[in-house]
Amino acid sequence: MISGMEAACLKGFKNFVLDLDGVLYLLNKPIPGGREFVEFLRDHHYRIAFLSNNTFLTREEYVEKLRKMGIEAFPEEMVTSAFTVAKYLGENHPGARVYVIGEEGL
């Protein structure tokens, strides 16, 4: 639970970027307080982005993983390295052929 003092420290911020593995969960186990913190941010209308440099899962799969842990998340809030590269290529090199080597999330 967030104390009054902790909540006061968050004033002035509008956006939060939360890393996934090691912050909200460790491997497949939720880290205590993570779900409650995300709920607090949502209840107070902060914008949230979830960040991962992992390419194992797609954005939708990360959403499902978080939801199984009781953390509300949406695909548009997920920022993954694979999604970022795909977006960059689509915007800067539309129609380019790319040979992808990597995990399934790519």
N, C-alpha and C. Protein backbone atom coordinates (compact mmCIF):
# COMPACT_ATOMS: atom_id res chain seq x y z
N MET A 1 0.84 -1.18 0.00
CA MET A 1 0.00 0.00 0.00
C MET A 1 0.88 1.24 0.00
N ILE A 2 0.43 2.29 -0.65
CA ILE A 2 1.19 3.53 -0.75
C ILE A 2 0.80 4.43 0.42
N SER A 3 1.80 4.90 1.16
CA SER A 3 1.54 5.78 2.29
C SER A 3 1.31 7.20 1.78
N GLY A 4 0.79 8.05 2.66
CA GLY A 4 0.57 9.45 2.30
C GLY A 4 1.86 10.14 1.90
N MET A 5 2.94 9.84 2.62
CA MET A 5 4.23 10.46 2.30
C MET A 5 4.72 10.00 0.93
N GLU A 6 4.58 8.71 0.65
CA GLU A 6 5.00 8.19 -0.65
C GLU A 6 4.16 8.80 -1.76
N ALA A 7 2.85 8.92 -1.55
CA ALA A 7 1.97 9.52 -2.55
C ALA A 7 2.36 10.97 -2.80
N ALA A 8 2.73 11.69 -1.75
CA ALA A 8 3.14 13.08 -1.90
C ALA A 8 4.40 13.19 -2.76
N CYS A 9 5.28 12.22 -2.67
CA CYS A 9 6.52 12.22 -3.47
C CYS A 9 6.23 12.08 -4.96
N LEU A 10 5.07 11.53 -5.30
CA LEU A 10 4.73 11.31 -6.71
C LEU A 10 4.08 12.52 -7.35
N LYS A 11 3.70 13.52 -6.55
CA LYS A 11 3.07 14.71 -7.11
C LYS A 11 4.04 15.39 -8.07
N GLY A 12 3.49 15.91 -9.14
CA GLY A 12 4.32 16.55 -10.15
C GLY A 12 4.67 15.62 -11.29
N PHE A 13 4.49 14.34 -11.08
CA PHE A 13 4.70 13.36 -12.14
C PHE A 13 3.37 13.00 -12.76
N LYS A 14 3.37 12.78 -14.07
CA LYS A 14 2.14 12.39 -14.77
C LYS A 14 2.28 11.03 -15.43
N ASN A 15 3.50 10.62 -15.68
CA ASN A 15 3.77 9.40 -16.43
C ASN A 15 4.75 8.52 -15.67
N PHE A 16 4.53 7.22 -15.76
CA PHE A 16 5.42 6.26 -15.13
C PHE A 16 5.77 5.17 -16.13
N VAL A 17 7.05 4.86 -16.22
CA VAL A 17 7.53 3.76 -17.05
C VAL A 17 8.03 2.69 -16.08
N LEU A 18 7.40 1.52 -16.16
CA LEU A 18 7.73 0.44 -15.24
C LEU A 18 8.36 -0.72 -16.01
N ASP A 19 9.57 -1.08 -15.63
CA ASP A 19 10.19 -2.27 -16.21
C ASP A 19 9.41 -3.49 -15.72
N LEU A 20 9.48 -4.56 -16.46
CA LEU A 20 8.72 -5.75 -16.10
C LEU A 20 9.53 -6.71 -15.24
N ASP A 21 10.42 -7.49 -15.85
CA ASP A 21 11.16 -8.53 -15.13
C ASP A 21 12.14 -7.89 -14.15
N GLY A 22 11.96 -8.19 -12.90
CA GLY A 22 12.81 -7.64 -11.85
C GLY A 22 12.19 -6.46 -11.14
N VAL A 23 11.09 -5.93 -11.68
CA VAL A 23 10.40 -4.80 -11.04
C VAL A 23 8.98 -5.21 -10.65
N LEU A 24 8.20 -5.69 -11.62
CA LEU A 24 6.84 -6.15 -11.32
C LEU A 24 6.78 -7.64 -11.06
N TYR A 25 7.71 -8.37 -11.64
CA TYR A 25 7.80 -9.81 -11.39
C TYR A 25 9.23 -10.26 -11.56
N LEU A 26 9.52 -11.42 -11.01
CA LEU A 26 10.83 -12.04 -11.17
C LEU A 26 10.58 -13.42 -11.75
N LEU A 27 11.02 -13.61 -12.99
CA LEU A 27 10.68 -14.79 -13.78
C LEU A 27 9.16 -14.83 -13.94
N ASN A 28 8.47 -15.70 -13.26
CA ASN A 28 7.01 -15.74 -13.37
C ASN A 28 6.33 -15.49 -12.03
N LYS A 29 7.06 -14.93 -11.09
CA LYS A 29 6.50 -14.70 -9.75
C LYS A 29 6.36 -13.20 -9.50
N PRO A 30 5.14 -12.74 -9.16
CA PRO A 30 4.94 -11.31 -8.89
C PRO A 30 5.81 -10.84 -7.72
N ILE A 31 6.33 -9.64 -7.84
CA ILE A 31 7.09 -9.03 -6.74
C ILE A 31 6.08 -8.32 -5.83
N PRO A 32 6.15 -8.56 -4.53
CA PRO A 32 5.19 -7.95 -3.60
C PRO A 32 5.12 -6.43 -3.77
N GLY A 33 3.89 -5.93 -3.84
CA GLY A 33 3.65 -4.50 -3.95
C GLY A 33 3.51 -4.00 -5.37
N GLY A 34 3.92 -4.78 -6.34
CA GLY A 34 3.85 -4.34 -7.74
C GLY A 34 2.43 -4.12 -8.21
N ARG A 35 1.57 -5.10 -7.97
CA ARG A 35 0.17 -4.97 -8.39
C ARG A 35 -0.50 -3.79 -7.70
N GLU A 36 -0.25 -3.63 -6.42
CA GLU A 36 -0.85 -2.52 -5.66
C GLU A 36 -0.36 -1.17 -6.18
N PHE A 37 0.92 -1.10 -6.56
CA PHE A 37 1.45 0.16 -7.07
C PHE A 37 0.80 0.53 -8.40
N VAL A 38 0.64 -0.45 -9.29
CA VAL A 38 -0.02 -0.19 -10.57
C VAL A 38 -1.47 0.23 -10.32
N GLU A 39 -2.15 -0.42 -9.40
CA GLU A 39 -3.53 -0.03 -9.06
C GLU A 39 -3.58 1.40 -8.54
N PHE A 40 -2.62 1.76 -7.68
CA PHE A 40 -2.55 3.13 -7.17
C PHE A 40 -2.39 4.12 -8.31
N LEU A 41 -1.48 3.83 -9.23
CA LEU A 41 -1.26 4.73 -10.36
C LEU A 41 -2.53 4.88 -11.19
N ARG A 42 -3.21 3.79 -11.46
CA ARG A 42 -4.46 3.84 -12.24
C ARG A 42 -5.54 4.62 -11.49
N ASP A 43 -5.67 4.35 -10.20
CA ASP A 43 -6.69 5.04 -9.40
C ASP A 43 -6.47 6.55 -9.37
N HIS A 44 -5.22 6.98 -9.52
CA HIS A 44 -4.89 8.40 -9.49
C HIS A 44 -4.62 8.97 -10.88
N HIS A 45 -5.00 8.22 -11.89
CA HIS A 45 -5.00 8.68 -13.29
C HIS A 45 -3.62 9.03 -13.83
N TYR A 46 -2.60 8.32 -13.39
CA TYR A 46 -1.27 8.46 -13.98
C TYR A 46 -1.23 7.65 -15.27
N ARG A 47 -0.43 8.10 -16.21
CA ARG A 47 -0.21 7.32 -17.44
C ARG A 47 0.90 6.32 -17.16
N ILE A 48 0.71 5.11 -17.67
CA ILE A 48 1.65 4.02 -17.41
C ILE A 48 2.15 3.44 -18.72
N ALA A 49 3.44 3.16 -18.76
CA ALA A 49 4.02 2.36 -19.84
C ALA A 49 4.80 1.23 -19.18
N PHE A 50 4.68 0.05 -19.74
CA PHE A 50 5.43 -1.10 -19.26
C PHE A 50 6.55 -1.36 -20.25
N LEU A 51 7.76 -1.55 -19.76
CA LEU A 51 8.94 -1.62 -20.60
C LEU A 51 9.63 -2.97 -20.47
N SER A 52 10.05 -3.52 -21.62
CA SER A 52 10.84 -4.75 -21.60
C SER A 52 11.82 -4.75 -22.76
N ASN A 53 13.05 -5.13 -22.47
CA ASN A 53 14.03 -5.30 -23.54
C ASN A 53 14.09 -6.76 -23.96
N ASN A 54 13.15 -7.54 -23.48
CA ASN A 54 13.08 -8.96 -23.77
C ASN A 54 12.27 -9.18 -25.04
N THR A 55 12.69 -10.10 -25.88
CA THR A 55 11.97 -10.38 -27.12
C THR A 55 11.28 -11.74 -27.11
N PHE A 56 11.17 -12.34 -25.94
CA PHE A 56 10.54 -13.66 -25.84
C PHE A 56 9.05 -13.62 -26.16
N LEU A 57 8.37 -12.55 -25.73
CA LEU A 57 6.92 -12.48 -25.85
C LEU A 57 6.49 -11.27 -26.68
N THR A 58 5.31 -11.37 -27.26
CA THR A 58 4.71 -10.22 -27.94
C THR A 58 4.08 -9.30 -26.89
N ARG A 59 3.67 -8.12 -27.33
CA ARG A 59 3.01 -7.20 -26.39
C ARG A 59 1.75 -7.83 -25.80
N GLU A 60 0.99 -8.51 -26.64
CA GLU A 60 -0.24 -9.15 -26.18
C GLU A 60 0.06 -10.26 -25.16
N GLU A 61 1.14 -10.99 -25.38
CA GLU A 61 1.52 -12.04 -24.43
C GLU A 61 1.97 -11.46 -23.09
N TYR A 62 2.66 -10.31 -23.13
CA TYR A 62 3.03 -9.65 -21.88
C TYR A 62 1.79 -9.19 -21.13
N VAL A 63 0.80 -8.66 -21.85
CA VAL A 63 -0.45 -8.25 -21.21
C VAL A 63 -1.09 -9.43 -20.51
N GLU A 64 -1.16 -10.55 -21.19
CA GLU A 64 -1.75 -11.76 -20.60
C GLU A 64 -0.96 -12.21 -19.37
N LYS A 65 0.35 -12.16 -19.46
CA LYS A 65 1.20 -12.55 -18.32
C LYS A 65 0.91 -11.67 -17.11
N LEU A 66 0.82 -10.36 -17.33
CA LEU A 66 0.53 -9.44 -16.22
C LEU A 66 -0.87 -9.68 -15.67
N ARG A 67 -1.82 -9.88 -16.55
CA ARG A 67 -3.20 -10.10 -16.09
C ARG A 67 -3.31 -11.36 -15.23
N LYS A 68 -2.55 -12.39 -15.58
CA LYS A 68 -2.54 -13.62 -14.76
C LYS A 68 -1.99 -13.35 -13.36
N MET A 69 -1.19 -12.28 -13.23
CA MET A 69 -0.64 -11.90 -11.93
C MET A 69 -1.53 -10.88 -11.23
N GLY A 70 -2.67 -10.56 -11.85
CA GLY A 70 -3.59 -9.60 -11.25
C GLY A 70 -3.28 -8.16 -11.56
N ILE A 71 -2.40 -7.92 -12.55
CA ILE A 71 -2.02 -6.56 -12.93
C ILE A 71 -2.73 -6.20 -14.22
N GLU A 72 -3.53 -5.13 -14.17
CA GLU A 72 -4.24 -4.68 -15.36
C GLU A 72 -3.25 -4.02 -16.32
N ALA A 73 -3.29 -4.44 -17.57
CA ALA A 73 -2.39 -3.90 -18.59
C ALA A 73 -3.07 -3.99 -19.94
N PHE A 74 -2.62 -3.16 -20.87
CA PHE A 74 -3.18 -3.11 -22.22
C PHE A 74 -2.04 -3.10 -23.23
N PRO A 75 -2.24 -3.69 -24.41
CA PRO A 75 -1.16 -3.77 -25.40
C PRO A 75 -0.53 -2.42 -25.74
N GLU A 76 -1.35 -1.37 -25.82
CA GLU A 76 -0.80 -0.06 -26.19
C GLU A 76 0.10 0.53 -25.10
N GLU A 77 0.09 -0.06 -23.91
CA GLU A 77 0.97 0.39 -22.83
C GLU A 77 2.31 -0.34 -22.84
N MET A 78 2.42 -1.38 -23.64
CA MET A 78 3.63 -2.20 -23.68
C MET A 78 4.65 -1.61 -24.65
N VAL A 79 5.84 -1.39 -24.17
CA VAL A 79 6.94 -0.93 -25.01
C VAL A 79 8.01 -2.01 -24.93
N THR A 80 8.15 -2.75 -26.01
CA THR A 80 9.17 -3.80 -26.05
C THR A 80 10.21 -3.45 -27.09
N SER A 81 11.37 -4.04 -26.97
CA SER A 81 12.43 -3.78 -27.95
C SER A 81 11.98 -4.24 -29.33
N ALA A 82 11.29 -5.36 -29.42
CA ALA A 82 10.83 -5.86 -30.72
C ALA A 82 9.82 -4.91 -31.34
N PHE A 83 8.87 -4.43 -30.56
CA PHE A 83 7.86 -3.51 -31.07
C PHE A 83 8.51 -2.20 -31.52
N THR A 84 9.47 -1.72 -30.75
CA THR A 84 10.14 -0.47 -31.08
C THR A 84 10.90 -0.58 -32.39
N VAL A 85 11.60 -1.68 -32.60
CA VAL A 85 12.32 -1.90 -33.86
C VAL A 85 11.35 -2.00 -35.02
N ALA A 86 10.26 -2.75 -34.84
CA ALA A 86 9.27 -2.89 -35.91
C ALA A 86 8.65 -1.54 -36.26
N LYS A 87 8.35 -0.74 -35.26
CA LYS A 87 7.78 0.59 -35.50
C LYS A 87 8.77 1.47 -36.25
N TYR A 88 10.03 1.46 -35.81
CA TYR A 88 11.07 2.25 -36.48
C TYR A 88 11.20 1.84 -37.94
N LEU A 89 11.30 0.54 -38.19
CA LEU A 89 11.45 0.07 -39.57
C LEU A 89 10.24 0.43 -40.41
N GLY A 90 9.05 0.28 -39.86
CA GLY A 90 7.84 0.62 -40.59
C GLY A 90 7.75 2.09 -40.94
N GLU A 91 8.21 2.94 -40.05
CA GLU A 91 8.15 4.39 -40.28
C GLU A 91 9.29 4.90 -41.14
N ASN A 92 10.47 4.31 -41.02
CA ASN A 92 11.66 4.83 -41.70
C ASN A 92 12.09 4.02 -42.91
N HIS A 93 11.62 2.80 -43.02
CA HIS A 93 11.99 1.94 -44.15
C HIS A 93 10.78 1.11 -44.58
N PRO A 94 9.68 1.77 -44.94
CA PRO A 94 8.48 1.02 -45.30
C PRO A 94 8.73 0.12 -46.51
N GLY A 95 8.25 -1.09 -46.42
CA GLY A 95 8.41 -2.04 -47.52
C GLY A 95 9.76 -2.73 -47.58
N ALA A 96 10.67 -2.37 -46.68
CA ALA A 96 12.00 -2.99 -46.70
C ALA A 96 11.91 -4.46 -46.30
N ARG A 97 12.76 -5.26 -46.91
CA ARG A 97 12.84 -6.67 -46.54
C ARG A 97 13.82 -6.81 -45.39
N VAL A 98 13.43 -7.57 -44.40
CA VAL A 98 14.25 -7.73 -43.20
C VAL A 98 14.38 -9.21 -42.87
N TYR A 99 15.60 -9.64 -42.60
CA TYR A 99 15.84 -11.02 -42.17
C TYR A 99 15.96 -10.99 -40.65
N VAL A 100 15.00 -11.56 -39.97
CA VAL A 100 14.94 -11.47 -38.51
C VAL A 100 15.51 -12.74 -37.88
N ILE A 101 16.43 -12.53 -36.94
CA ILE A 101 16.98 -13.62 -36.15
C ILE A 101 16.74 -13.26 -34.70
N GLY A 102 16.03 -14.11 -33.99
CA GLY A 102 15.77 -13.80 -32.59
C GLY A 102 14.65 -14.64 -32.04
N GLU A 103 14.15 -14.21 -30.92
CA GLU A 103 13.09 -14.92 -30.20
C GLU A 103 11.75 -14.76 -30.90
N GLU A 104 10.79 -15.56 -30.48
CA GLU A 104 9.47 -15.59 -31.10
C GLU A 104 8.75 -14.24 -31.03
N GLY A 105 9.00 -13.46 -30.00
CA GLY A 105 8.36 -12.15 -29.86
C GLY A 105 8.74 -11.16 -30.94
N LEU A 106 9.83 -11.45 -31.66
CA LEU A 106 10.22 -10.57 -32.76
C LEU A 106 9.27 -10.74 -33.93
